[in-house]
Every structure is written in structure tokens, then in C-alpha cells.
Protein backbone atom coordinates (compact mmCIF):
# COMPACT_ATOMS: atom_id res chain seq x y z
CA MET A 1 -47.41 5.43 -47.40
CA LEU A 2 -45.83 5.86 -43.98
CA LEU A 3 -44.61 9.58 -45.15
CA ALA A 4 -48.07 10.08 -46.44
CA ILE A 5 -49.79 9.33 -43.19
CA ILE A 6 -46.81 11.45 -41.67
CA ARG A 7 -47.95 14.40 -43.89
CA VAL A 8 -51.35 14.13 -42.96
CA ALA A 9 -51.04 13.90 -39.36
CA GLY A 10 -48.90 16.87 -38.97
CA PHE A 11 -51.24 18.76 -41.28
CA ASN A 12 -54.31 17.80 -38.69
CA ILE A 13 -51.85 18.67 -35.88
CA ALA A 14 -51.17 22.04 -37.55
CA TRP A 15 -54.77 22.98 -37.97
CA LEU A 16 -55.74 21.73 -34.91
CA THR A 17 -52.74 24.02 -33.16
CA ALA A 18 -53.91 26.92 -35.35
CA LEU A 19 -57.74 26.03 -34.28
CA TRP A 20 -56.83 26.20 -30.71
CA TRP A 21 -54.77 29.39 -30.24
CA SER A 22 -57.68 31.01 -32.75
CA GLY A 23 -60.13 30.18 -30.28
CA LEU A 24 -57.94 31.29 -27.30
CA ILE A 25 -57.52 34.77 -28.66
CA LEU A 26 -61.03 35.29 -29.42
CA LEU A 27 -62.12 33.82 -26.10
CA MET A 28 -59.54 36.59 -24.81
CA LEU A 29 -60.92 39.26 -26.96
CA ALA A 30 -64.42 38.41 -26.05
CA ALA A 31 -62.88 38.57 -22.29
CA VAL A 32 -61.51 41.68 -22.68
CA SER A 33 -64.27 43.61 -24.69
CA ASP A 34 -66.92 42.11 -21.82
CA TYR A 35 -64.61 43.26 -19.15
CA VAL A 36 -64.58 46.81 -20.73
CA ILE A 37 -67.96 47.43 -21.78
CA SER A 38 -69.05 45.38 -18.21
CA ARG A 39 -66.91 48.37 -16.39
CA LYS A 40 -70.12 50.82 -16.83
CA LYS A 41 -72.03 48.69 -14.38
CA LEU A 42 -69.73 49.60 -12.16
CA ALA A 43 -71.23 53.11 -11.96
CA VAL A 44 -73.69 51.61 -9.78
CA SER A 45 -74.17 53.70 -6.53
CA CYS A 46 -75.59 53.19 -2.93
CA TYR A 47 -76.16 54.71 0.51
CA ARG A 48 -77.62 53.39 3.74
CA ILE A 49 -80.09 55.21 5.91
CA ILE A 50 -79.89 54.07 9.65
CA SER A 51 -80.84 55.27 13.08
CA THR A 52 -77.81 56.51 14.67
CA SER A 53 -79.19 54.29 18.23
CA PHE A 54 -80.74 50.94 18.60
CA ALA A 55 -82.43 49.69 21.71
CA LEU A 56 -81.12 46.61 22.87
CA GLY A 57 -83.61 43.16 21.65
CA ALA A 58 -85.72 45.42 19.81
CA GLU A 59 -85.99 44.63 15.99
CA SER A 60 -84.96 48.07 13.69
CA LYS A 61 -85.10 48.72 10.35
CA VAL A 62 -82.41 49.44 7.99
CA ARG A 63 -83.17 50.77 4.44
CA LEU A 64 -80.53 50.47 1.28
CA PHE A 65 -80.71 52.80 -1.47
CA PHE A 66 -79.52 52.02 -4.95
CA GLU A 67 -79.37 54.07 -8.07
CA ASN A 68 -78.65 52.95 -11.93
CA PRO A 69 -77.34 55.66 -14.32
CA LEU A 70 -77.31 53.32 -17.14
CA LEU A 71 -79.72 52.48 -19.98
CA ARG A 72 -80.24 48.69 -19.15
CA SER A 73 -81.54 47.24 -15.78
CA ILE A 74 -78.51 45.55 -13.97
CA ASP A 75 -78.81 42.45 -11.49
CA ILE A 76 -76.62 42.89 -8.30
CA GLN A 77 -76.25 40.38 -5.13
CA VAL A 78 -75.84 42.75 -2.21
CA VAL A 79 -74.00 41.84 1.45
CA ASP A 80 -74.53 44.91 4.19
CA HIS A 81 -71.83 44.43 6.49
CA CYS A 82 -73.33 44.16 9.95
CA PRO A 83 -71.54 44.45 12.90
CA ASP A 84 -71.64 41.58 15.82
CA TYR A 85 -73.92 43.36 17.74
CA VAL A 86 -76.77 42.75 15.51
CA VAL A 87 -77.87 39.67 13.89
CA THR A 88 -80.11 39.83 10.18
CA GLU A 89 -80.91 36.81 8.12
CA SER A 90 -81.56 39.30 5.35
CA PHE A 91 -78.07 38.37 2.94
CA PRO A 92 -77.05 38.14 0.18
CA LEU A 93 -80.15 39.25 -1.26
CA ASN A 94 -80.35 39.46 -5.24
CA ILE A 95 -81.81 42.28 -6.95
CA SER A 96 -82.65 43.95 -10.04
CA LEU A 97 -81.90 47.77 -10.61
CA PRO A 98 -84.34 49.15 -13.13
CA PRO A 99 -82.37 51.86 -16.02
CA GLN A 100 -81.66 55.31 -14.48
CA GLN A 101 -83.88 54.96 -11.39
CA GLU A 102 -83.30 55.03 -7.83
CA THR A 103 -84.54 51.52 -5.87
CA SER A 104 -84.70 50.86 -2.00
CA LEU A 105 -84.77 47.88 -0.48
CA LYS A 106 -85.48 47.44 3.45
CA TYR A 107 -84.32 44.88 6.29
CA GLU A 108 -84.36 44.46 9.48
CA VAL A 109 -81.62 43.65 12.37
CA LEU A 110 -81.76 42.48 16.14
CA PRO A 111 -79.28 44.24 18.59
CA VAL A 112 -77.97 41.62 20.69
CA LYS A 113 -75.19 43.58 22.31
CA ARG A 114 -75.11 46.67 23.71
CA GLY A 115 -72.12 49.34 23.12
CA GLU A 116 -70.80 51.44 19.38
CA ALA A 117 -71.59 48.88 16.62
CA VAL A 118 -69.84 49.98 12.93
CA PHE A 119 -71.50 49.07 9.83
CA GLY A 120 -69.31 48.91 7.10
CA ARG A 121 -69.46 49.42 3.42
CA VAL A 122 -72.14 47.95 1.21
CA GLY A 123 -70.94 45.06 -0.44
CA LEU A 124 -72.17 44.41 -4.40
CA ARG A 125 -71.32 41.63 -6.56
CA VAL A 126 -71.86 42.45 -10.16
CA GLN A 127 -71.68 40.18 -13.47
CA SER A 128 -70.52 40.88 -16.60
CA PHE A 129 -72.81 41.20 -19.92
CA PHE A 130 -71.63 37.59 -20.86
CA LYS A 131 -70.83 36.22 -17.60
CA LEU A 132 -67.06 35.97 -17.96
CA TRP A 133 -66.57 38.43 -15.05
CA ARG A 134 -67.72 39.03 -11.81
CA PHE A 135 -67.01 42.24 -10.03
CA ASN A 136 -67.21 42.70 -5.96
CA ILE A 137 -67.25 46.09 -5.25
CA GLN A 138 -68.27 48.06 -2.37
CA ARG A 139 -70.42 51.30 -2.11
CA GLY A 140 -71.54 53.73 0.80
CA GLU A 141 -69.74 54.69 3.98
CA SER A 142 -69.13 53.05 7.48
CA GLN A 143 -71.39 54.21 9.88
CA ALA A 144 -71.45 53.90 13.62
CA ILE A 145 -74.53 53.77 16.02
CA LYS A 146 -75.05 53.11 19.38
CA ILE A 147 -76.89 50.44 20.20
CA TYR A 148 -78.75 51.04 24.03
CA PRO A 149 -80.07 49.13 26.93
CA ASN A 150 -84.06 48.60 26.04
CA PHE A 151 -85.20 52.53 25.95
CA MET A 152 -88.44 51.38 24.35
CA ALA A 153 -90.28 50.77 27.13
CA ILE A 154 -89.59 54.12 28.90
CA SER A 155 -90.12 55.70 25.13
CA ASN A 156 -93.92 53.99 25.37
CA LEU A 157 -94.36 56.15 29.07
CA ASN A 158 -93.30 59.58 27.62
CA PHE A 159 -96.60 60.44 26.73
CA LEU A 160 -98.72 59.17 29.72
CA VAL A 161 -99.34 60.94 33.24
CA TYR A 162 -96.99 59.45 36.18
CA GLU A 163 -100.08 57.15 37.47
CA GLN A 164 -101.03 55.58 34.35
CA GLN A 165 -97.17 55.17 33.56
CA LEU A 166 -96.82 52.75 36.75
CA ASN A 167 -100.38 51.09 35.80
CA HIS A 168 -98.72 50.99 32.21
CA ILE A 169 -95.61 48.74 33.21
CA GLY A 170 -97.74 47.00 35.77
CA ALA A 171 -96.86 48.29 39.41
CA HIS A 172 -98.99 48.47 41.81
CA THR A 173 -100.30 51.92 43.25
CA VAL A 174 -102.25 52.57 46.08
CA GLN A 175 -104.74 56.15 46.11
CA ARG A 176 -103.70 57.95 49.10
CA ARG A 177 -104.63 61.37 47.72
CA GLY A 178 -103.34 64.19 49.18
CA LEU A 179 -101.59 62.26 51.92
CA GLY A 180 -97.85 62.76 51.07
CA SER A 181 -95.02 64.30 53.32
CA ASP A 182 -94.61 67.41 51.90
CA PHE A 183 -97.27 70.62 51.41
CA LYS A 184 -98.34 71.41 47.91
CA GLN A 185 -101.45 73.54 48.33
CA LEU A 186 -104.87 74.06 49.86
CA ARG A 187 -108.00 73.59 47.99
CA GLU A 188 -111.52 72.42 48.49
CA TYR A 189 -112.45 69.13 50.51
CA GLN A 190 -113.26 66.40 48.40
CA ARG A 191 -115.29 63.24 49.47
CA GLY A 192 -112.39 61.02 50.54
CA ASP A 193 -110.11 63.38 52.89
CA GLU A 194 -108.95 62.72 56.11
CA LEU A 195 -110.23 64.48 59.25
CA ARG A 196 -106.08 64.96 59.76
CA GLN A 197 -105.82 67.12 56.47
CA MET A 198 -108.62 69.42 57.30
CA ASP A 199 -107.42 73.60 57.66
CA TRP A 200 -110.13 74.60 60.17
CA LYS A 201 -108.53 78.34 60.04
CA ALA A 202 -109.03 78.42 56.00
CA SER A 203 -112.69 76.21 56.37
CA ALA A 204 -113.69 79.61 58.75
CA ARG A 205 -112.31 82.15 56.51
CA GLN A 206 -113.78 80.94 53.74
CA HIS A 207 -117.07 79.77 54.94
CA LYS A 208 -116.62 76.19 53.33
CA LEU A 209 -114.31 73.24 54.21
CA ILE A 210 -110.42 73.73 52.97
CA SER A 211 -108.05 70.85 52.82
CA ARG A 212 -104.13 70.58 52.95
CA GLU A 213 -103.17 68.53 50.09
CA TYR A 214 -99.60 67.17 50.12
CA GLN A 215 -97.50 65.26 48.12
CA ASP A 216 -94.73 62.40 48.45
CA GLU A 217 -91.29 64.31 49.44
CA ARG A 218 -88.96 65.08 46.52
CA ASP A 219 -85.22 65.86 46.04
CA GLN A 220 -84.19 62.50 47.24
CA ASP A 221 -81.21 60.85 46.16
CA ILE A 222 -81.14 57.05 44.89
CA VAL A 223 -78.05 55.25 44.36
CA PHE A 224 -77.71 52.20 42.23
CA LEU A 225 -74.94 49.96 43.17
CA LEU A 226 -74.85 47.74 40.11
CA ASP A 227 -72.89 44.55 40.10
CA SER A 228 -71.46 43.98 36.71
CA GLY A 229 -69.56 40.20 38.08
CA ARG A 230 -69.88 36.64 36.40
CA ARG A 231 -72.81 35.84 38.27
CA MET A 232 -74.57 38.48 35.81
CA ARG A 233 -73.51 36.90 32.74
CA ALA A 234 -76.45 33.94 32.89
CA SER A 235 -79.09 34.58 30.26
CA GLU A 236 -82.88 34.32 29.83
CA SER A 237 -85.10 35.70 27.03
CA HIS A 238 -81.83 36.22 24.69
CA LEU A 239 -80.36 38.99 27.07
CA SER A 240 -78.49 38.89 30.20
CA HIS A 241 -79.05 38.68 33.46
CA PHE A 242 -77.24 41.88 33.50
CA ASP A 243 -79.15 43.30 30.43
CA HIS A 244 -82.24 42.70 32.20
CA CYS A 245 -80.88 44.79 35.15
CA VAL A 246 -79.93 47.37 33.78
CA ASN A 247 -83.18 47.94 31.95
CA ALA A 248 -85.07 47.37 35.27
CA MET A 249 -82.77 50.14 36.39
CA LEU A 250 -83.40 52.26 33.86
CA LEU A 251 -87.32 52.15 34.40
CA THR A 252 -87.02 52.63 37.78
CA SER A 253 -84.94 55.37 37.11
CA TYR A 254 -87.19 57.14 35.11
CA ILE A 255 -90.06 56.89 37.51
CA ALA A 256 -87.66 58.16 39.94
CA LEU A 257 -87.07 61.19 37.97
CA MET A 258 -90.33 61.77 37.00
CA ALA A 259 -91.07 61.73 40.49
CA GLY A 260 -88.66 64.80 41.09
CA ASP A 261 -85.80 62.28 42.83
CA ALA A 262 -82.26 62.37 41.33
CA VAL A 263 -80.94 59.31 40.39
CA GLY A 264 -76.80 58.24 39.95
CA PHE A 265 -75.16 54.73 40.13
CA MET A 266 -72.13 52.92 40.89
CA SER A 267 -70.58 49.86 39.41
CA PHE A 268 -68.49 47.37 40.51
CA ALA A 269 -66.84 43.96 39.72
CA GLY A 270 -64.46 44.64 36.73
CA THR A 271 -65.88 47.77 35.67
CA ASP A 272 -66.14 50.63 37.94
CA ARG A 273 -68.03 53.47 37.02
CA TRP A 274 -69.86 56.03 38.90
CA LEU A 275 -72.45 58.40 37.84
CA ALA A 276 -73.39 61.08 40.68
CA PRO A 277 -77.29 61.53 40.67
CA VAL A 278 -79.13 63.71 38.49
CA LYS A 279 -82.58 65.48 38.51
CA GLY A 280 -84.81 65.81 35.80
CA LYS A 281 -86.76 63.15 33.47
CA THR A 282 -84.11 64.64 30.97
CA ASN A 283 -81.27 63.19 32.50
CA ILE A 284 -82.37 59.90 31.60
CA ASN A 285 -80.11 60.25 28.33
CA GLN A 286 -77.32 60.86 30.82
CA LEU A 287 -77.86 57.86 32.49
CA LEU A 288 -78.48 55.79 28.97
CA ASN A 289 -75.10 57.14 27.51
CA SER A 290 -73.40 56.04 30.80
CA LEU A 291 -74.99 52.49 30.61
CA TYR A 292 -75.23 52.10 26.97
CA ASP A 293 -71.32 50.45 27.01
CA LEU A 294 -71.38 48.76 29.98
CA HIS A 295 -70.76 44.80 29.90
CA SER A 296 -70.36 42.53 32.92
CA THR A 297 -67.15 40.87 33.62
CA SER A 298 -65.65 37.36 34.43
CA GLN A 299 -64.80 38.72 37.86
CA ALA A 300 -65.91 37.79 41.06
CA SER A 301 -67.89 40.54 42.91
CA ASP A 302 -66.72 42.11 46.13
CA LEU A 303 -69.75 43.71 47.29
CA LEU A 304 -68.28 45.22 50.69
CA LYS A 305 -64.97 46.70 48.93
CA ALA A 306 -68.25 47.89 46.76
CA ALA A 307 -69.91 49.38 49.61
CA GLU A 308 -67.22 50.85 51.16
CA ASN A 309 -66.25 52.82 48.05
CA LEU A 310 -69.89 54.28 47.67
CA MET A 311 -69.68 55.52 51.53
CA LEU A 312 -66.55 57.38 50.55
CA ARG A 313 -68.14 58.71 47.22
CA HIS A 314 -71.10 59.65 48.18
CA ARG A 315 -72.47 60.84 51.73
CA LYS A 316 -75.94 62.47 51.50
CA ARG A 317 -78.40 60.09 53.08
CA SER A 318 -80.07 58.28 50.13
CA LEU A 319 -81.36 54.78 49.10
CA ILE A 320 -78.96 52.39 47.76
CA ILE A 321 -80.36 50.19 45.97
CA ILE A 322 -78.13 46.93 45.58
CA VAL A 323 -78.35 45.15 42.20
CA THR A 324 -77.00 41.54 42.58
CA ASN A 325 -77.40 37.96 42.49
CA ILE A 326 -76.24 36.67 45.87
CA ARG A 327 -75.71 32.94 47.39
CA ASP A 328 -75.47 31.88 50.24
CA GLU A 329 -71.69 31.52 50.05
CA ASP A 330 -71.61 35.33 50.33
CA SER A 331 -73.77 35.72 53.51
CA ALA A 332 -70.69 36.93 55.93
CA ASP A 333 -69.73 40.04 52.97
CA VAL A 334 -73.42 40.60 52.09
CA ILE A 335 -74.33 41.59 55.69
CA GLN A 336 -71.56 43.38 56.57
CA ALA A 337 -71.60 45.42 53.15
CA VAL A 338 -75.47 46.04 54.17
CA LYS A 339 -74.82 46.49 57.93
CA LEU A 340 -71.93 49.68 56.58
CA LEU A 341 -74.44 50.92 53.92
CA SER A 342 -77.28 50.78 56.40
CA LYS A 343 -75.38 53.63 58.67
CA LYS A 344 -76.01 56.07 56.62
CA HIS A 345 -78.77 55.41 53.85
CA LEU A 346 -81.78 53.30 53.31
CA VAL A 347 -80.81 49.86 51.89
CA LEU A 348 -82.65 47.54 49.28
CA VAL A 349 -81.94 44.64 48.03
CA ALA A 350 -82.81 43.70 44.53
CA CYS A 351 -81.81 40.18 44.12
CA LEU A 352 -81.99 38.12 40.78
CA ARG A 353 -83.33 34.78 40.98
CA GLU A 354 -82.57 32.23 38.31
CA ALA A 355 -85.98 31.23 36.60
CA VAL A 356 -84.80 27.62 35.47
CA TYR A 357 -84.44 26.78 38.99
CA ASP A 358 -87.95 27.18 39.63
CA GLN A 359 -88.92 24.59 36.60
CA ILE A 360 -86.84 21.93 38.05
CA GLU A 361 -89.63 19.51 39.56
CA LEU A 362 -89.23 15.76 40.61
CA THR A 363 -91.19 13.18 38.83
CA ASP A 364 -92.34 9.77 39.40
CA LYS A 365 -90.16 8.38 36.60
CA ALA A 366 -87.21 10.52 37.81
CA ASP A 367 -83.54 8.69 37.65
CA PHE A 368 -81.03 8.97 40.02
CA ASP A 369 -79.38 12.04 38.25
CA SER A 370 -82.31 13.74 37.94
CA THR A 371 -83.30 12.94 41.60
CA LEU A 372 -79.83 14.45 43.03
CA THR A 373 -80.06 17.70 40.61
CA PHE A 374 -83.42 18.02 42.30
CA VAL A 375 -82.27 17.69 45.95
CA GLY A 376 -79.16 19.97 44.54
CA VAL A 377 -81.72 22.84 43.66
CA ARG A 378 -83.64 22.61 46.72
CA LEU A 379 -80.94 23.00 49.00
CA TYR A 380 -79.32 25.94 47.16
CA LEU A 381 -82.61 27.81 47.35
CA GLN A 382 -83.35 26.89 51.06
CA GLN A 383 -80.04 28.47 51.55
CA ARG A 384 -81.02 31.45 49.62
CA ASN A 385 -83.84 32.01 51.25
CA ARG A 386 -82.33 31.42 54.31
CA LEU A 387 -79.93 34.61 53.69
CA LEU A 388 -82.79 36.78 52.10
CA GLN A 389 -84.61 36.13 55.66
CA SER A 390 -81.51 37.17 57.58
CA LEU A 391 -81.31 40.40 55.65
CA ARG A 392 -85.47 40.96 56.18
CA ALA A 393 -84.87 40.56 59.82
CA SER A 394 -81.99 43.27 59.94
CA GLY A 395 -84.37 45.90 58.69
CA VAL A 396 -83.30 45.39 54.99
CA ILE A 397 -85.56 45.80 51.70
CA VAL A 398 -85.36 42.88 49.85
CA ALA A 399 -86.89 42.57 45.88
CA ASP A 400 -86.59 39.31 45.14
CA ALA A 401 -87.62 38.19 41.47
CA THR A 402 -86.61 36.58 37.99
CA ALA A 403 -85.15 38.45 35.32
CA ASN A 404 -88.27 39.11 33.60
CA GLU A 405 -89.98 40.49 36.70
CA MET A 406 -87.52 42.57 37.82
CA HIS A 407 -88.74 45.79 36.57
CA ILE A 408 -91.98 45.50 38.25
CA LYS A 409 -90.88 44.59 41.33
CA LEU A 410 -88.19 47.14 41.56
CA VAL A 411 -90.65 49.85 40.81
CA ASN A 412 -93.42 48.29 43.19
CA GLU A 413 -90.79 48.79 46.37
CA TYR A 414 -89.48 52.17 45.25
CA MET A 415 -93.08 53.29 45.19
CA ALA A 416 -93.94 51.69 48.36
CA LEU A 417 -90.89 53.48 49.99
CA LYS A 418 -92.07 56.55 48.52
CA ARG A 419 -95.67 56.35 49.81
CA ALA A 420 -94.44 54.98 53.03
CA GLY A 421 -92.76 58.79 53.70
CA ARG A 422 -89.42 56.53 54.00
CA ILE A 423 -87.04 58.50 51.05
């Protein structure tokens, strides 16, 4: 009896073992067949079409194109390897590629950092016919792009005339027709012309009233002294204060170039970069290329040393625009730097003000910590205002504005100086 049981059990074990090995062999054959057949799916191709340059903070579009050469559709998962300089929420994305057709998809990216960014190859995940294999492949080529400061505002101004450009960005203009400092032309008298514009000799010859028309003085140098120190690293409206200031500087530069002036800049505090003043509106591209990869650093700002370097580098009388974020503890260095520059140049201090300090208020339900914070902020603002008042009292022009308002403030101050004939 026992021997019979052992024989039956042995037969069953042998049968099960044979069945297990048979199943394993069949599975391996199926897997190999699935792998060999599905390799054809890897023939799918992909390429990317992308602009060579993006604007910081402005959404941009990227297009991917796929081609399926097979006679059946292919389901794939797509991941485009975007650089850290941009953000997107589009991936991973599942799509179906119809047979023997080209398919495209479009997605948006938001540039969050300036500089040179590299898009890697496109990653594709393809499943085999029997779902036994998953192939991770890469298609297309890596592509490098440049992320510039936000030049979209400048692009929007290209097709506007000069006065329309100023109104478009919110700058205030004063109607002073024909009252610049450089003679432009003689023309027939128009209502509103001032008596001092009349050219009596020309009027006598022409037997009608003739006026002299003047234009704002041209060919002046505007040099920005750009602080790239640690105080410019704070963020507001998804951009750093430094980025806001670079955008304001570029917009003012474009207006100045349109007015016939030359524009240059020098950065200080960690990254010292110098561009001698250039003239002509097409040279806004030279400014963009000099600034697109310039970032703020963690170093302290030495404005006095920067002023000394600028005095050595640029000797022609110019409008020097200092773009910075000064505080009361900087008063001694700031006053010395401004005094040094004012010996030869006209100085404008564009001082960035943190908007968060304007929003702190004291309520009836404020606790001790909130009250202490409020008092500290008010003390800081009083000391800051005292420094700005002392600069104004010494004859320095001061543009005090938040990051979102700096571009309008800078353009207004530049135009006021231009209209007054000070530059």
C-alpha cells in the first residue's frame, strides 16, 4: 500500500515538474517572440521644434513631432527632458500614434531662470504587443536655447512711434512741441508755438510766420551701474528683484536708444561685467546678449569700489543710473560713491523698495510679535527715507519704486531729465 502511494506521488510530482518546465519554456518562447516582434515598434521617430530664445516669465510653446512607419497604431508614453530653467506640468503624456502617419503635440513651458538651457532627448516608453516588455528609448536631439530677460515688452514697442511707446508703458510725457535744446528745422508757425521760437528774419523773407523747431539733445551716454549683490535676490511676482531691475533697465535702455542716446552698463558685487555705451536701437540685442546669463550673487555690494572702477573705465560725462537696494547702514558708502560720481557725471539712484514692507499694518488685534514686527519695519522705512532725502538734498535724482513699478519710474525720470535739457 505504501509503495503504491509513493509511486502515485512520484508520478504526480514528475508530471507537475514537467508541466511547470513546459509552461516556463512556453512563457520564455512567448517573451522572446514578443520581444522580437515588438522591436519593430522602436522604429518610431521623433523631433522637436522650439524657438532659439525664450523670454523670462513669458509662457512659450514647444512642439514634438512623431512618425509611426508601421501598419498598426502604437501607444507610447512621452517625457520631454526639459531643463531646470523652465517648468511644465505636461508630462508624462500618453498618446496613440496612428499607422504610417506623423503626429504632433504641443505643450507650454514657463521660463523661470535666465541663461543657456539645454533640452535633452525625448524619452519614449513603448509597451510590447503582449505587454511583457516595456522599452525605454530616446529619440531626437538635444537642443540649446537662450533664456533672455523679458524682452516681450520691447517687442510690443517695435511698431509704435516714440511718443506712443512712452504712453504704452505708462510713462508720463509733457507736450513741449519743438522746445528741445538742439536745433532741428525751420517750419511754418503753428498754434501754441512760443514767442521765443519765432525766426523773424525767416518770417520777413517768407512773408509768413516761421518758427524754429528744436529736438531733445541726442548722442548722450547713459551708463547703468547694476548691483548684483545678495540684496537683489529676494523674489516678487515670480521673479527676483534682480530680474525686475534688469527688465526695467532694458526697457529704459530701449527708450534711450530710440531717443538717439548711447547705453552701456557695469555690474558689480560678485559678477563684474562691463559693456561700453552703444548707440542705435538695433544694439538692444547687444545689451540682451550681455545680460541674459548675468545673475545675482550672495556677495555683499561695495558701491564705492564700483564707483571708483566706473570712473576709471568711463570718462565722458554721462547719466549714471545706479540700480540697487540701499539701506541706512550703507549711507556712508552710498554718499561717498555718489559724491565721487557727481564730480563728472549726472547721477540717478534707482532704489528698489520691497513691496512687502508697505503691506505690513498694525491692527487692533495685533499680538506682541506683530507689534514688534510693525515697529521694526517702520523704523527701517524711516531710516531708509532719511537716506534718500539726504541724497536728494545733495542734488542726486532718486527713483524710489517697488519691483513692479521700477520700469515706469526709471523711464519717467529719464524723460524728465531729457526734457529739462540736463542730458
